Amino acid sequence: MDTSTVAVLVAGAALALNVVRELFGGGWNLSGRLAAMETKLTREIKNSKDEVERRQDSQTRDFGETIAALKQHIIQIELYVRDTYVRRDSFLDVNKQTQDAIKGAVEDLKSRLDRMEKKIDLKA
């Protein structure tokens, strides 16, 4: 065998080894990159999920506090109205009593006026 044939065979073998190494090495390297990307993607999804849950919990808590504050305010308004204003039935009862008292007072005044007129008529 001459030197050029040996050189061609060595170069061919080196080329074949490089091709095999690139094919399998690239596949292994690609699988490593894919695994790293999957791990990173899974971590990012978990972080996003945790943040969304944290925001949702915060909004739920804020909404609950708002509802509780509104309930307390309504209770305070009910107590104020109870202590400040009269109920309708009670108002109507008091109004009726006042009308009866005014009627009675007018009748008393009329009877007194009639008696006064009689006394004046008798003296004259």
PDB file of N, CA and C in Angstrom:
ATOM      1  N   MET A   1       0.823  -1.153   0.000  1.00  0.00           N
ATOM      2  CA  MET A   1       0.000   0.000   0.000  1.00  0.00           C
ATOM      3  C   MET A   1       0.884   1.239   0.000  1.00  0.00           C
ATOM      4  N   ASP A   2       0.446   2.099  -0.807  1.00  0.00           N
ATOM      5  CA  ASP A   2       1.313   3.271  -0.828  1.00  0.00           C
ATOM      6  C   ASP A   2       0.796   4.316   0.163  1.00  0.00           C
ATOM      7  N   THR A   3       1.507   5.341   0.348  1.00  0.00           N
ATOM      8  CA  THR A   3       1.254   6.339   1.379  1.00  0.00           C
ATOM      9  C   THR A   3      -0.040   7.105   1.105  1.00  0.00           C
ATOM     10  N   SER A   4      -0.330   7.377  -0.113  1.00  0.00           N
ATOM     11  CA  SER A   4      -1.533   8.143  -0.407  1.00  0.00           C
ATOM     12  C   SER A   4      -2.782   7.332  -0.109  1.00  0.00           C
ATOM     13  N   THR A   5      -2.724   6.036  -0.331  1.00  0.00           N
ATOM     14  CA  THR A   5      -3.874   5.186  -0.034  1.00  0.00           C
ATOM     15  C   THR A   5      -4.094   5.137   1.467  1.00  0.00           C
ATOM     16  N   VAL A   6      -3.009   5.001   2.197  1.00  0.00           N
ATOM     17  CA  VAL A   6      -3.115   4.974   3.660  1.00  0.00           C
ATOM     18  C   VAL A   6      -3.647   6.310   4.158  1.00  0.00           C
ATOM     19  N   ALA A   7      -3.207   7.391   3.585  1.00  0.00           N
ATOM     20  CA  ALA A   7      -3.665   8.719   3.997  1.00  0.00           C
ATOM     21  C   ALA A   7      -5.147   8.876   3.700  1.00  0.00           C
ATOM     22  N   VAL A   8      -5.595   8.367   2.543  1.00  0.00           N
ATOM     23  CA  VAL A   8      -7.007   8.452   2.177  1.00  0.00           C
ATOM     24  C   VAL A   8      -7.833   7.601   3.142  1.00  0.00           C
ATOM     25  N   LEU A   9      -7.343   6.400   3.484  1.00  0.00           N
ATOM     26  CA  LEU A   9      -8.062   5.536   4.420  1.00  0.00           C
ATOM     27  C   LEU A   9      -8.142   6.166   5.815  1.00  0.00           C
ATOM     28  N   VAL A  10      -7.068   6.746   6.272  1.00  0.00           N
ATOM     29  CA  VAL A  10      -7.048   7.390   7.595  1.00  0.00           C
ATOM     30  C   VAL A  10      -7.987   8.593   7.590  1.00  0.00           C
ATOM     31  N   ALA A  11      -7.950   9.397   6.527  1.00  0.00           N
ATOM     32  CA  ALA A  11      -8.817  10.558   6.429  1.00  0.00           C
ATOM     33  C   ALA A  11     -10.273  10.116   6.360  1.00  0.00           C
ATOM     34  N   GLY A  12     -10.565   9.036   5.597  1.00  0.00           N
ATOM     35  CA  GLY A  12     -11.929   8.513   5.500  1.00  0.00           C
ATOM     36  C   GLY A  12     -12.425   8.017   6.846  1.00  0.00           C
ATOM     37  N   ALA A  13     -11.533   7.282   7.567  1.00  0.00           N
ATOM     38  CA  ALA A  13     -11.910   6.769   8.890  1.00  0.00           C
ATOM     39  C   ALA A  13     -12.152   7.922   9.855  1.00  0.00           C
ATOM     40  N   ALA A  14     -11.305   8.945   9.768  1.00  0.00           N
ATOM     41  CA  ALA A  14     -11.472  10.117  10.635  1.00  0.00           C
ATOM     42  C   ALA A  14     -12.783  10.824  10.303  1.00  0.00           C
ATOM     43  N   LEU A  15     -13.077  10.929   9.007  1.00  0.00           N
ATOM     44  CA  LEU A  15     -14.327  11.551   8.589  1.00  0.00           C
ATOM     45  C   LEU A  15     -15.526  10.752   9.095  1.00  0.00           C
ATOM     46  N   ALA A  16     -15.459   9.429   8.969  1.00  0.00           N
ATOM     47  CA  ALA A  16     -16.549   8.570   9.423  1.00  0.00           C
ATOM     48  C   ALA A  16     -16.733   8.717  10.931  1.00  0.00           C
ATOM     49  N   LEU A  17     -15.623   8.721  11.672  1.00  0.00           N
ATOM     50  CA  LEU A  17     -15.711   8.899  13.131  1.00  0.00           C
ATOM     51  C   LEU A  17     -16.309  10.269  13.488  1.00  0.00           C
ATOM     52  N   ASN A  18     -15.908  11.307  12.769  1.00  0.00           N
ATOM     53  CA  ASN A  18     -16.451  12.648  13.026  1.00  0.00           C
ATOM     54  C   ASN A  18     -17.952  12.707  12.724  1.00  0.00           C
ATOM     55  N   VAL A  19     -18.359  12.051  11.616  1.00  0.00           N
ATOM     56  CA  VAL A  19     -19.781  12.032  11.267  1.00  0.00           C
ATOM     57  C   VAL A  19     -20.575  11.286  12.336  1.00  0.00           C
ATOM     58  N   VAL A  20     -20.071  10.116  12.754  1.00  0.00           N
ATOM     59  CA  VAL A  20     -20.746   9.342  13.800  1.00  0.00           C
ATOM     60  C   VAL A  20     -20.802  10.134  15.101  1.00  0.00           C
ATOM     61  N   ARG A  21     -19.688  10.759  15.453  1.00  0.00           N
ATOM     62  CA  ARG A  21     -19.642  11.558  16.691  1.00  0.00           C
ATOM     63  C   ARG A  21     -20.631  12.716  16.627  1.00  0.00           C
ATOM     64  N   GLU A  22     -20.699  13.414  15.500  1.00  0.00           N
ATOM     65  CA  GLU A  22     -21.619  14.543  15.358  1.00  0.00           C
ATOM     66  C   GLU A  22     -23.080  14.083  15.409  1.00  0.00           C
ATOM     67  N   LEU A  23     -23.366  12.969  14.766  1.00  0.00           N
ATOM     68  CA  LEU A  23     -24.738  12.467  14.770  1.00  0.00           C
ATOM     69  C   LEU A  23     -25.180  12.064  16.164  1.00  0.00           C
ATOM     70  N   PHE A  24     -24.412  11.218  16.813  1.00  0.00           N
ATOM     71  CA  PHE A  24     -24.789  10.756  18.146  1.00  0.00           C
ATOM     72  C   PHE A  24     -24.541  11.816  19.210  1.00  0.00           C
ATOM     73  N   GLY A  25     -23.436  12.520  19.069  1.00  0.00           N
ATOM     74  CA  GLY A  25     -23.122  13.588  20.036  1.00  0.00           C
ATOM     75  C   GLY A  25     -24.152  14.699  19.948  1.00  0.00           C
ATOM     76  N   GLY A  26     -24.560  15.041  18.750  1.00  0.00           N
ATOM     77  CA  GLY A  26     -25.582  16.072  18.567  1.00  0.00           C
ATOM     78  C   GLY A  26     -26.901  15.629  19.162  1.00  0.00           C
ATOM     79  N   GLY A  27     -27.243  14.370  18.990  1.00  0.00           N
ATOM     80  CA  GLY A  27     -28.465  13.828  19.575  1.00  0.00           C
ATOM     81  C   GLY A  27     -28.416  13.874  21.085  1.00  0.00           C
ATOM     82  N   TRP A  28     -27.281  13.475  21.644  1.00  0.00           N
ATOM     83  CA  TRP A  28     -27.145  13.518  23.099  1.00  0.00           C
ATOM     84  C   TRP A  28     -27.175  14.962  23.592  1.00  0.00           C
ATOM     85  N   ASN A  29     -26.493  15.809  22.844  1.00  0.00           N
ATOM     86  CA  ASN A  29     -26.473  17.225  23.217  1.00  0.00           C
ATOM     87  C   ASN A  29     -27.879  17.818  23.097  1.00  0.00           C
ATOM     88  N   LEU A  30     -28.602  17.444  22.043  1.00  0.00           N
ATOM     89  CA  LEU A  30     -29.963  17.931  21.849  1.00  0.00           C
ATOM     90  C   LEU A  30     -30.879  17.444  22.962  1.00  0.00           C
ATOM     91  N   SER A  31     -30.737  16.188  23.344  1.00  0.00           N
ATOM     92  CA  SER A  31     -31.579  15.671  24.429  1.00  0.00           C
ATOM     93  C   SER A  31     -31.253  16.382  25.737  1.00  0.00           C
ATOM     94  N   GLY A  32     -30.006  16.706  25.962  1.00  0.00           N
ATOM     95  CA  GLY A  32     -29.630  17.462  27.166  1.00  0.00           C
ATOM     96  C   GLY A  32     -30.236  18.854  27.146  1.00  0.00           C
ATOM     97  N   ARG A  33     -30.183  19.499  25.980  1.00  0.00           N
ATOM     98  CA  ARG A  33     -30.767  20.838  25.859  1.00  0.00           C
ATOM     99  C   ARG A  33     -32.293  20.785  26.050  1.00  0.00           C
ATOM    100  N   LEU A  34     -32.918  19.767  25.450  1.00  0.00           N
ATOM    101  CA  LEU A  34     -34.365  19.618  25.605  1.00  0.00           C
ATOM    102  C   LEU A  34     -34.743  19.376  27.069  1.00  0.00           C
ATOM    103  N   ALA A  35     -33.955  18.552  27.746  1.00  0.00           N
ATOM    104  CA  ALA A  35     -34.222  18.286  29.163  1.00  0.00           C
ATOM    105  C   ALA A  35     -34.068  19.569  29.983  1.00  0.00           C
ATOM    106  N   ALA A  36     -33.035  20.355  29.670  1.00  0.00           N
ATOM    107  CA  ALA A  36     -32.828  21.620  30.392  1.00  0.00           C
ATOM    108  C   ALA A  36     -33.977  22.588  30.115  1.00  0.00           C
ATOM    109  N   MET A  37     -34.405  22.647  28.843  1.00  0.00           N
ATOM    110  CA  MET A  37     -35.518  23.529  28.496  1.00  0.00           C
ATOM    111  C   MET A  37     -36.804  23.087  29.189  1.00  0.00           C
ATOM    112  N   GLU A  38     -37.020  21.768  29.246  1.00  0.00           N
ATOM    113  CA  GLU A  38     -38.212  21.244  29.912  1.00  0.00           C
ATOM    114  C   GLU A  38     -38.188  21.590  31.397  1.00  0.00           C
ATOM    115  N   THR A  39     -37.038  21.427  32.012  1.00  0.00           N
ATOM    116  CA  THR A  39     -36.897  21.752  33.432  1.00  0.00           C
ATOM    117  C   THR A  39     -37.164  23.231  33.675  1.00  0.00           C
ATOM    118  N   LYS A  40     -36.574  24.081  32.823  1.00  0.00           N
ATOM    119  CA  LYS A  40     -36.757  25.529  32.968  1.00  0.00           C
ATOM    120  C   LYS A  40     -38.216  25.912  32.729  1.00  0.00           C
ATOM    121  N   LEU A  41     -38.828  25.315  31.703  1.00  0.00           N
ATOM    122  CA  LEU A  41     -40.230  25.601  31.402  1.00  0.00           C
ATOM    123  C   LEU A  41     -41.141  25.160  32.549  1.00  0.00           C
ATOM    124  N   THR A  42     -40.879  23.994  33.105  1.00  0.00           N
ATOM    125  CA  THR A  42     -41.664  23.500  34.240  1.00  0.00           C
ATOM    126  C   THR A  42     -41.526  24.443  35.436  1.00  0.00           C
ATOM    127  N   ARG A  43     -40.316  24.900  35.691  1.00  0.00           N
ATOM    128  CA  ARG A  43     -40.069  25.820  36.809  1.00  0.00           C
ATOM    129  C   ARG A  43     -40.810  27.148  36.579  1.00  0.00           C
ATOM    130  N   GLU A  44     -40.747  27.672  35.353  1.00  0.00           N
ATOM    131  CA  GLU A  44     -41.423  28.934  35.040  1.00  0.00           C
ATOM    132  C   GLU A  44     -42.949  28.794  35.152  1.00  0.00           C
ATOM    133  N   ILE A  45     -43.484  27.667  34.696  1.00  0.00           N
ATOM    134  CA  ILE A  45     -44.924  27.418  34.813  1.00  0.00           C
ATOM    135  C   ILE A  45     -45.328  27.367  36.274  1.00  0.00           C
ATOM    136  N   LYS A  46     -44.530  26.695  37.104  1.00  0.00           N
ATOM    137  CA  LYS A  46     -44.823  26.612  38.539  1.00  0.00           C
ATOM    138  C   LYS A  46     -44.763  27.994  39.182  1.00  0.00           C
ATOM    139  N   ASN A  47     -43.745  28.789  38.810  1.00  0.00           N
ATOM    140  CA  ASN A  47     -43.641  30.147  39.362  1.00  0.00           C
ATOM    141  C   ASN A  47     -44.851  30.997  38.955  1.00  0.00           C
ATOM    142  N   SER A  48     -45.265  30.890  37.693  1.00  0.00           N
ATOM    143  CA  SER A  48     -46.434  31.640  37.224  1.00  0.00           C
ATOM    144  C   SER A  48     -47.689  31.195  37.961  1.00  0.00           C
ATOM    145  N   LYS A  49     -47.838  29.880  38.134  1.00  0.00           N
ATOM    146  CA  LYS A  49     -48.998  29.348  38.845  1.00  0.00           C
ATOM    147  C   LYS A  49     -49.021  29.857  40.286  1.00  0.00           C
ATOM    148  N   ASP A  50     -47.858  29.841  40.942  1.00  0.00           N
ATOM    149  CA  ASP A  50     -47.787  30.326  42.325  1.00  0.00           C
ATOM    150  C   ASP A  50     -48.156  31.805  42.402  1.00  0.00           C
ATOM    151  N   GLU A  51     -47.677  32.598  41.439  1.00  0.00           N
ATOM    152  CA  GLU A  51     -47.988  34.025  41.450  1.00  0.00           C
ATOM    153  C   GLU A  51     -49.473  34.269  41.208  1.00  0.00           C
ATOM    154  N   VAL A  52     -50.073  33.536  40.271  1.00  0.00           N
ATOM    155  CA  VAL A  52     -51.503  33.684  40.005  1.00  0.00           C
ATOM    156  C   VAL A  52     -52.303  33.300  41.250  1.00  0.00           C
ATOM    157  N   GLU A  53     -51.934  32.212  41.898  1.00  0.00           N
ATOM    158  CA  GLU A  53     -52.631  31.802  43.121  1.00  0.00           C
ATOM    159  C   GLU A  53     -52.470  32.841  44.225  1.00  0.00           C
ATOM    160  N   ARG A  54     -51.273  33.414  44.335  1.00  0.00           N
ATOM    161  CA  ARG A  54     -51.026  34.434  45.354  1.00  0.00           C
ATOM    162  C   ARG A  54     -51.893  35.670  45.083  1.00  0.00           C
ATOM    163  N   ARG A  55     -51.960  36.084  43.814  1.00  0.00           N
ATOM    164  CA  ARG A  55     -52.797  37.236  43.469  1.00  0.00           C
ATOM    165  C   ARG A  55     -54.269  36.931  43.726  1.00  0.00           C
ATOM    166  N   GLN A  56     -54.696  35.735  43.358  1.00  0.00           N
ATOM    167  CA  GLN A  56     -56.096  35.356  43.558  1.00  0.00           C
ATOM    168  C   GLN A  56     -56.426  35.328  45.048  1.00  0.00           C
ATOM    169  N   ASP A  57     -55.516  34.784  45.854  1.00  0.00           N
ATOM    170  CA  ASP A  57     -55.746  34.772  47.305  1.00  0.00           C
ATOM    171  C   ASP A  57     -55.840  36.191  47.849  1.00  0.00           C
ATOM    172  N   SER A  58     -54.965  37.070  47.346  1.00  0.00           N
ATOM    173  CA  SER A  58     -54.976  38.463  47.789  1.00  0.00           C
ATOM    174  C   SER A  58     -56.289  39.137  47.410  1.00  0.00           C
ATOM    175  N   GLN A  59     -56.741  38.911  46.176  1.00  0.00           N
ATOM    176  CA  GLN A  59     -57.997  39.509  45.741  1.00  0.00           C
ATOM    177  C   GLN A  59     -59.177  38.940  46.523  1.00  0.00           C
ATOM    178  N   THR A  60     -59.154  37.642  46.791  1.00  0.00           N
ATOM    179  CA  THR A  60     -60.221  37.019  47.569  1.00  0.00           C
ATOM    180  C   THR A  60     -60.255  37.597  48.978  1.00  0.00           C
ATOM    181  N   ARG A  61     -59.087  37.761  49.570  1.00  0.00           N
ATOM    182  CA  ARG A  61     -59.011  38.325  50.920  1.00  0.00           C
ATOM    183  C   ARG A  61     -59.514  39.774  50.916  1.00  0.00           C
ATOM    184  N   ASP A  62     -59.076  40.565  49.920  1.00  0.00           N
ATOM    185  CA  ASP A  62     -59.526  41.953  49.834  1.00  0.00           C
ATOM    186  C   ASP A  62     -61.039  42.033  49.643  1.00  0.00           C
ATOM    187  N   PHE A  63     -61.580  41.157  48.794  1.00  0.00           N
ATOM    188  CA  PHE A  63     -63.026  41.149  48.557  1.00  0.00           C
ATOM    189  C   PHE A  63     -63.767  40.775  49.839  1.00  0.00           C
ATOM    190  N   GLY A  64     -63.253  39.778  50.549  1.00  0.00           N
ATOM    191  CA  GLY A  64     -63.876  39.372  51.808  1.00  0.00           C
ATOM    192  C   GLY A  64     -63.859  40.496  52.831  1.00  0.00           C
ATOM    193  N   GLU A  65     -62.735  41.216  52.909  1.00  0.00           N
ATOM    194  CA  GLU A  65     -62.643  42.338  53.844  1.00  0.00           C
ATOM    195  C   GLU A  65     -63.625  43.441  53.454  1.00  0.00           C
ATOM    196  N   THR A  66     -63.778  43.667  52.143  1.00  0.00           N
ATOM    197  CA  THR A  66     -64.718  44.690  51.675  1.00  0.00           C
ATOM    198  C   THR A  66     -66.143  44.310  52.051  1.00  0.00           C
ATOM    199  N   ILE A  67     -66.499  43.054  51.832  1.00  0.00           N
ATOM    200  CA  ILE A  67     -67.849  42.590  52.179  1.00  0.00           C
ATOM    201  C   ILE A  67     -68.080  42.714  53.686  1.00  0.00           C
ATOM    202  N   ALA A  68     -67.090  42.335  54.470  1.00  0.00           N
ATOM    203  CA  ALA A  68     -67.225  42.438  55.932  1.00  0.00           C
ATOM    204  C   ALA A  68     -67.408  43.901  56.354  1.00  0.00           C
ATOM    205  N   ALA A  69     -66.653  44.797  55.726  1.00  0.00           N
ATOM    206  CA  ALA A  69     -66.785  46.225  56.059  1.00  0.00           C
ATOM    207  C   ALA A  69     -68.170  46.739  55.666  1.00  0.00           C
ATOM    208  N   LEU A  70     -68.676  46.314  54.508  1.00  0.00           N
ATOM    209  CA  LEU A  70     -70.018  46.738  54.087  1.00  0.00           C
ATOM    210  C   LEU A  70     -71.085  46.214  55.047  1.00  0.00           C
ATOM    211  N   LYS A  71     -70.945  44.950  55.475  1.00  0.00           N
ATOM    212  CA  LYS A  71     -71.900  44.391  56.444  1.00  0.00           C
ATOM    213  C   LYS A  71     -71.897  45.199  57.734  1.00  0.00           C
ATOM    214  N   GLN A  72     -70.705  45.531  58.219  1.00  0.00           N
ATOM    215  CA  GLN A  72     -70.587  46.303  59.456  1.00  0.00           C
ATOM    216  C   GLN A  72     -71.209  47.680  59.279  1.00  0.00           C
ATOM    217  N   HIS A  73     -70.993  48.298  58.125  1.00  0.00           N
ATOM    218  CA  HIS A  73     -71.565  49.620  57.870  1.00  0.00           C
ATOM    219  C   HIS A  73     -73.099  49.547  57.829  1.00  0.00           C
ATOM    220  N   ILE A  74     -73.625  48.515  57.212  1.00  0.00           N
ATOM    221  CA  ILE A  74     -75.083  48.343  57.167  1.00  0.00           C
ATOM    222  C   ILE A  74     -75.641  48.161  58.572  1.00  0.00           C
ATOM    223  N   ILE A  75     -74.944  47.387  59.396  1.00  0.00           N
ATOM    224  CA  ILE A  75     -75.381  47.198  60.785  1.00  0.00           C
ATOM    225  C   ILE A  75     -75.391  48.534  61.521  1.00  0.00           C
ATOM    226  N   GLN A  76     -74.344  49.346  61.306  1.00  0.00           N
ATOM    227  CA  GLN A  76     -74.293  50.655  61.960  1.00  0.00           C
ATOM    228  C   GLN A  76     -75.433  51.556  61.485  1.00  0.00           C
ATOM    229  N   ILE A  77     -75.747  51.493  60.190  1.00  0.00           N
ATOM    230  CA  ILE A  77     -76.858  52.292  59.668  1.00  0.00           C
ATOM    231  C   ILE A  77     -78.173  51.820  60.278  1.00  0.00           C
ATOM    232  N   GLU A  78     -78.369  50.502  60.369  1.00  0.00           N
ATOM    233  CA  GLU A  78     -79.595  49.975  60.964  1.00  0.00           C
ATOM    234  C   GLU A  78     -79.742  50.421  62.413  1.00  0.00           C
ATOM    235  N   LEU A  79     -78.651  50.379  63.171  1.00  0.00           N
ATOM    236  CA  LEU A  79     -78.706  50.824  64.565  1.00  0.00           C
ATOM    237  C   LEU A  79     -79.008  52.315  64.652  1.00  0.00           C
ATOM    238  N   TYR A  80     -78.395  53.106  63.781  1.00  0.00           N
ATOM    239  CA  TYR A  80     -78.647  54.545  63.777  1.00  0.00           C
ATOM    240  C   TYR A  80     -80.111  54.836  63.462  1.00  0.00           C
ATOM    241  N   VAL A  81     -80.625  54.152  62.443  1.00  0.00           N
ATOM    242  CA  VAL A  81     -82.025  54.357  62.065  1.00  0.00           C
ATOM    243  C   VAL A  81     -82.945  53.913  63.204  1.00  0.00           C
ATOM    244  N   ARG A  82     -82.622  52.785  63.820  1.00  0.00           N
ATOM    245  CA  ARG A  82     -83.445  52.300  64.937  1.00  0.00           C
ATOM    246  C   ARG A  82     -83.480  53.310  66.080  1.00  0.00           C
ATOM    247  N   ASP A  83     -82.303  53.886  66.394  1.00  0.00           N
ATOM    248  CA  ASP A  83     -82.226  54.798  67.525  1.00  0.00           C
ATOM    249  C   ASP A  83     -82.710  56.208  67.197  1.00  0.00           C
ATOM    250  N   THR A  84     -82.665  56.603  65.940  1.00  0.00           N
ATOM    251  CA  THR A  84     -82.963  57.975  65.562  1.00  0.00           C
ATOM    252  C   THR A  84     -84.396  58.166  65.081  1.00  0.00           C
ATOM    253  N   TYR A  85     -84.886  57.232  64.309  1.00  0.00           N
ATOM    254  CA  TYR A  85     -86.193  57.415  63.684  1.00  0.00           C
ATOM    255  C   TYR A  85     -87.239  56.512  64.328  1.00  0.00           C
ATOM    256  N   VAL A  86     -88.498  56.911  64.159  1.00  0.00           N
ATOM    257  CA  VAL A  86     -89.617  56.190  64.733  1.00  0.00           C
ATOM    258  C   VAL A  86     -90.151  55.229  63.681  1.00  0.00           C
ATOM    259  N   ARG A  87     -90.642  54.091  64.134  1.00  0.00           N
ATOM    260  CA  ARG A  87     -91.257  53.154  63.201  1.00  0.00           C
ATOM    261  C   ARG A  87     -92.580  53.724  62.703  1.00  0.00           C
ATOM    262  N   ARG A  88     -92.993  53.278  61.546  1.00  0.00           N
ATOM    263  CA  ARG A  88     -94.200  53.791  60.900  1.00  0.00           C
ATOM    264  C   ARG A  88     -95.436  53.590  61.773  1.00  0.00           C
ATOM    265  N   ASP A  89     -95.596  52.389  62.296  1.00  0.00           N
ATOM    266  CA  ASP A  89     -96.773  52.112  63.137  1.00  0.00           C
ATOM    267  C   ASP A  89     -96.772  52.975  64.391  1.00  0.00           C
ATOM    268  N   SER A  90     -95.596  53.114  64.989  1.00  0.00           N
ATOM    269  CA  SER A  90     -95.502  53.951  66.188  1.00  0.00           C
ATOM    270  C   SER A  90     -95.832  55.405  65.843  1.00  0.00           C
ATOM    271  N   PHE A  91     -95.346  55.863  64.706  1.00  0.00           N
ATOM    272  CA  PHE A  91     -95.612  57.228  64.267  1.00  0.00           C
ATOM    273  C   PHE A  91     -97.109  57.440  64.065  1.00  0.00           C
ATOM    274  N   LEU A  92     -97.760  56.477  63.405  1.00  0.00           N
ATOM    275  CA  LEU A  92     -99.200  56.606  63.169  1.00  0.00           C
ATOM    276  C   LEU A  92     -99.977  56.599  64.481  1.00  0.00           C
ATOM    277  N   ASP A  93     -99.558  55.759  65.444  1.00  0.00           N
ATOM    278  CA  ASP A  93    -100.212  55.733  66.754  1.00  0.00           C
ATOM    279  C   ASP A  93    -100.082  57.083  67.463  1.00  0.00           C
ATOM    280  N   VAL A  94     -98.871  57.621  67.464  1.00  0.00           N
ATOM    281  CA  VAL A  94     -98.640  58.912  68.135  1.00  0.00           C
ATOM    282  C   VAL A  94     -99.415  60.010  67.407  1.00  0.00           C
ATOM    283  N   ASN A  95     -99.450  59.948  66.092  1.00  0.00           N
ATOM    284  CA  ASN A  95    -100.191  60.941  65.311  1.00  0.00           C
ATOM    285  C   ASN A  95    -101.677  60.899  65.667  1.00  0.00           C
ATOM    286  N   LYS A  96    -102.235  59.699  65.775  1.00  0.00           N
ATOM    287  CA  LYS A  96    -103.652  59.523  66.144  1.00  0.00           C
ATOM    288  C   LYS A  96    -103.901  60.069  67.548  1.00  0.00           C
ATOM    289  N   GLN A  97    -103.009  59.760  68.486  1.00  0.00           N
ATOM    290  CA  GLN A  97    -103.154  60.261  69.848  1.00  0.00           C
ATOM    291  C   GLN A  97    -103.112  61.791  69.870  1.00  0.00           C
ATOM    292  N   THR A  98    -102.214  62.368  69.060  1.00  0.00           N
ATOM    293  CA  THR A  98    -102.103  63.828  69.007  1.00  0.00           C
ATOM    294  C   THR A  98    -103.383  64.434  68.433  1.00  0.00           C
ATOM    295  N   GLN A  99    -103.910  63.821  67.374  1.00  0.00           N
ATOM    296  CA  GLN A  99    -105.162  64.323  66.795  1.00  0.00           C
ATOM    297  C   GLN A  99    -106.304  64.239  67.804  1.00  0.00           C
ATOM    298  N   ASP A 100    -106.382  63.132  68.531  1.00  0.00           N
ATOM    299  CA  ASP A 100    -107.427  62.987  69.559  1.00  0.00           C
ATOM    300  C   ASP A 100    -107.269  64.027  70.655  1.00  0.00           C
ATOM    301  N   ALA A 101    -106.024  64.274  71.062  1.00  0.00           N
ATOM    302  CA  ALA A 101    -105.775  65.268  72.110  1.00  0.00           C
ATOM    303  C   ALA A 101    -106.159  66.660  71.628  1.00  0.00           C
ATOM    304  N   ILE A 102    -105.851  66.990  70.363  1.00  0.00           N
ATOM    305  CA  ILE A 102    -106.213  68.301  69.814  1.00  0.00           C
ATOM    306  C   ILE A 102    -107.736  68.425  69.745  1.00  0.00           C
ATOM    307  N   LYS A 103    -108.401  67.346  69.293  1.00  0.00           N
ATOM    308  CA  LYS A 103    -109.871  67.345  69.226  1.00  0.00           C
ATOM    309  C   LYS A 103    -110.468  67.588  70.609  1.00  0.00           C
ATOM    310  N   GLY A 104    -109.923  66.894  71.614  1.00  0.00           N
ATOM    311  CA  GLY A 104    -110.413  67.060  72.989  1.00  0.00           C
ATOM    312  C   GLY A 104    -110.201  68.475  73.484  1.00  0.00           C
ATOM    313  N   ALA A 105    -109.013  69.038  73.160  1.00  0.00           N
ATOM    314  CA  ALA A 105    -108.721  70.407  73.604  1.00  0.00           C
ATOM    315  C   ALA A 105    -109.651  71.392  72.921  1.00  0.00           C
ATOM    316  N   VAL A 106    -109.951  71.200  71.636  1.00  0.00           N
ATOM    317  CA  VAL A 106    -110.862  72.095  70.918  1.00  0.00           C
ATOM    318  C   VAL A 106    -112.261  71.987  71.513  1.00  0.00           C
ATOM    319  N   GLU A 107    -112.708  70.792  71.829  1.00  0.00           N
ATOM    320  CA  GLU A 107    -114.032  70.610  72.436  1.00  0.00           C
ATOM    321  C   GLU A 107    -114.110  71.284  73.804  1.00  0.00           C
ATOM    322  N   ASP A 108    -113.033  71.154  74.597  1.00  0.00           N
ATOM    323  CA  ASP A 108    -112.999  71.838  75.903  1.00  0.00           C
ATOM    324  C   ASP A 108    -113.079  73.348  75.723  1.00  0.00           C
ATOM    325  N   LEU A 109    -112.334  73.869  74.727  1.00  0.00           N
ATOM    326  CA  LEU A 109    -112.367  75.314  74.482  1.00  0.00           C
ATOM    327  C   LEU A 109    -113.761  75.760  74.047  1.00  0.00           C
ATOM    328  N   LYS A 110    -114.402  74.947  73.193  1.00  0.00           N
ATOM    329  CA  LYS A 110    -115.763  75.291  72.749  1.00  0.00           C
ATOM    330  C   LYS A 110    -116.726  75.296  73.927  1.00  0.00           C
ATOM    331  N   SER A 111    -116.614  74.289  74.794  1.00  0.00           N
ATOM    332  CA  SER A 111    -117.528  74.240  75.948  1.00  0.00           C
ATOM    333  C   SER A 111    -117.275  75.424  76.881  1.00  0.00           C
ATOM    334  N   ARG A 112    -116.049  75.798  77.082  1.00  0.00           N
ATOM    335  CA  ARG A 112    -115.739  76.961  77.931  1.00  0.00           C
ATOM    336  C   ARG A 112    -116.275  78.238  77.287  1.00  0.00           C
ATOM    337  N   LEU A 113    -116.081  78.332  75.975  1.00  0.00           N
ATOM    338  CA  LEU A 113    -116.568  79.507  75.263  1.00  0.00           C
ATOM    339  C   LEU A 113    -118.098  79.598  75.371  1.00  0.00           C
ATOM    340  N   ASP A 114    -118.761  78.454  75.220  1.00  0.00           N
ATOM    341  CA  ASP A 114    -120.225  78.435  75.362  1.00  0.00           C
ATOM    342  C   ASP A 114    -120.635  78.881  76.766  1.00  0.00           C
ATOM    343  N   ARG A 115    -119.941  78.396  77.790  1.00  0.00           N
ATOM    344  CA  ARG A 115    -120.271  78.803  79.167  1.00  0.00           C
ATOM    345  C   ARG A 115    -120.023  80.294  79.372  1.00  0.00           C
ATOM    346  N   MET A 116    -118.950  80.793  78.798  1.00  0.00           N
ATOM    347  CA  MET A 116    -118.650  82.220  78.941  1.00  0.00           C
ATOM    348  C   MET A 116    -119.729  83.057  78.260  1.00  0.00           C
ATOM    349  N   GLU A 117    -120.146  82.601  77.074  1.00  0.00           N
ATOM    350  CA  GLU A 117    -121.182  83.339  76.360  1.00  0.00           C
ATOM    351  C   GLU A 117    -122.488  83.317  77.148  1.00  0.00           C
ATOM    352  N   LYS A 118    -122.818  82.177  77.770  1.00  0.00           N
ATOM    353  CA  LYS A 118    -124.044  82.090  78.585  1.00  0.00           C
ATOM    354  C   LYS A 118    -123.967  83.042  79.771  1.00  0.00           C
ATOM    355  N   LYS A 119    -122.815  83.089  80.431  1.00  0.00           N
ATOM    356  CA  LYS A 119    -122.657  83.996  81.593  1.00  0.00           C
ATOM    357  C   LYS A 119    -122.794  85.436  81.154  1.00  0.00           C
ATOM    358  N   ILE A 120    -122.201  85.766  80.014  1.00  0.00           N
ATOM    359  CA  ILE A 120    -122.267  87.150  79.524  1.00  0.00           C
ATOM    360  C   ILE A 120    -123.710  87.478  79.168  1.00  0.00           C
ATOM    361  N   ASP A 121    -124.419  86.523  78.509  1.00  0.00           N
ATOM    362  CA  ASP A 121    -125.811  86.759  78.127  1.00  0.00           C
ATOM    363  C   ASP A 121    -126.691  86.933  79.375  1.00  0.00           C
ATOM    364  N   LEU A 122    -126.439  86.199  80.450  1.00  0.00           N
ATOM    365  CA  LEU A 122    -127.238  86.293  81.657  1.00  0.00           C
ATOM    366  C   LEU A 122    -126.997  87.630  82.373  1.00  0.00           C
ATOM    367  N   LYS A 123    -125.817  88.163  82.324  1.00  0.00           N
ATOM    368  CA  LYS A 123    -125.507  89.399  82.995  1.00  0.00           C
ATOM    369  C   LYS A 123    -126.061  90.567  82.202  1.00  0.00           C
ATOM    370  N   ALA A 124    -126.242  90.406  81.010  1.00  0.00           N
ATOM    371  CA  ALA A 124    -126.699  91.533  80.217  1.00  0.00           C
ATOM    372  C   ALA A 124    -128.172  91.684  80.217  1.00  0.00           C
TER     373      ALA A 124
END
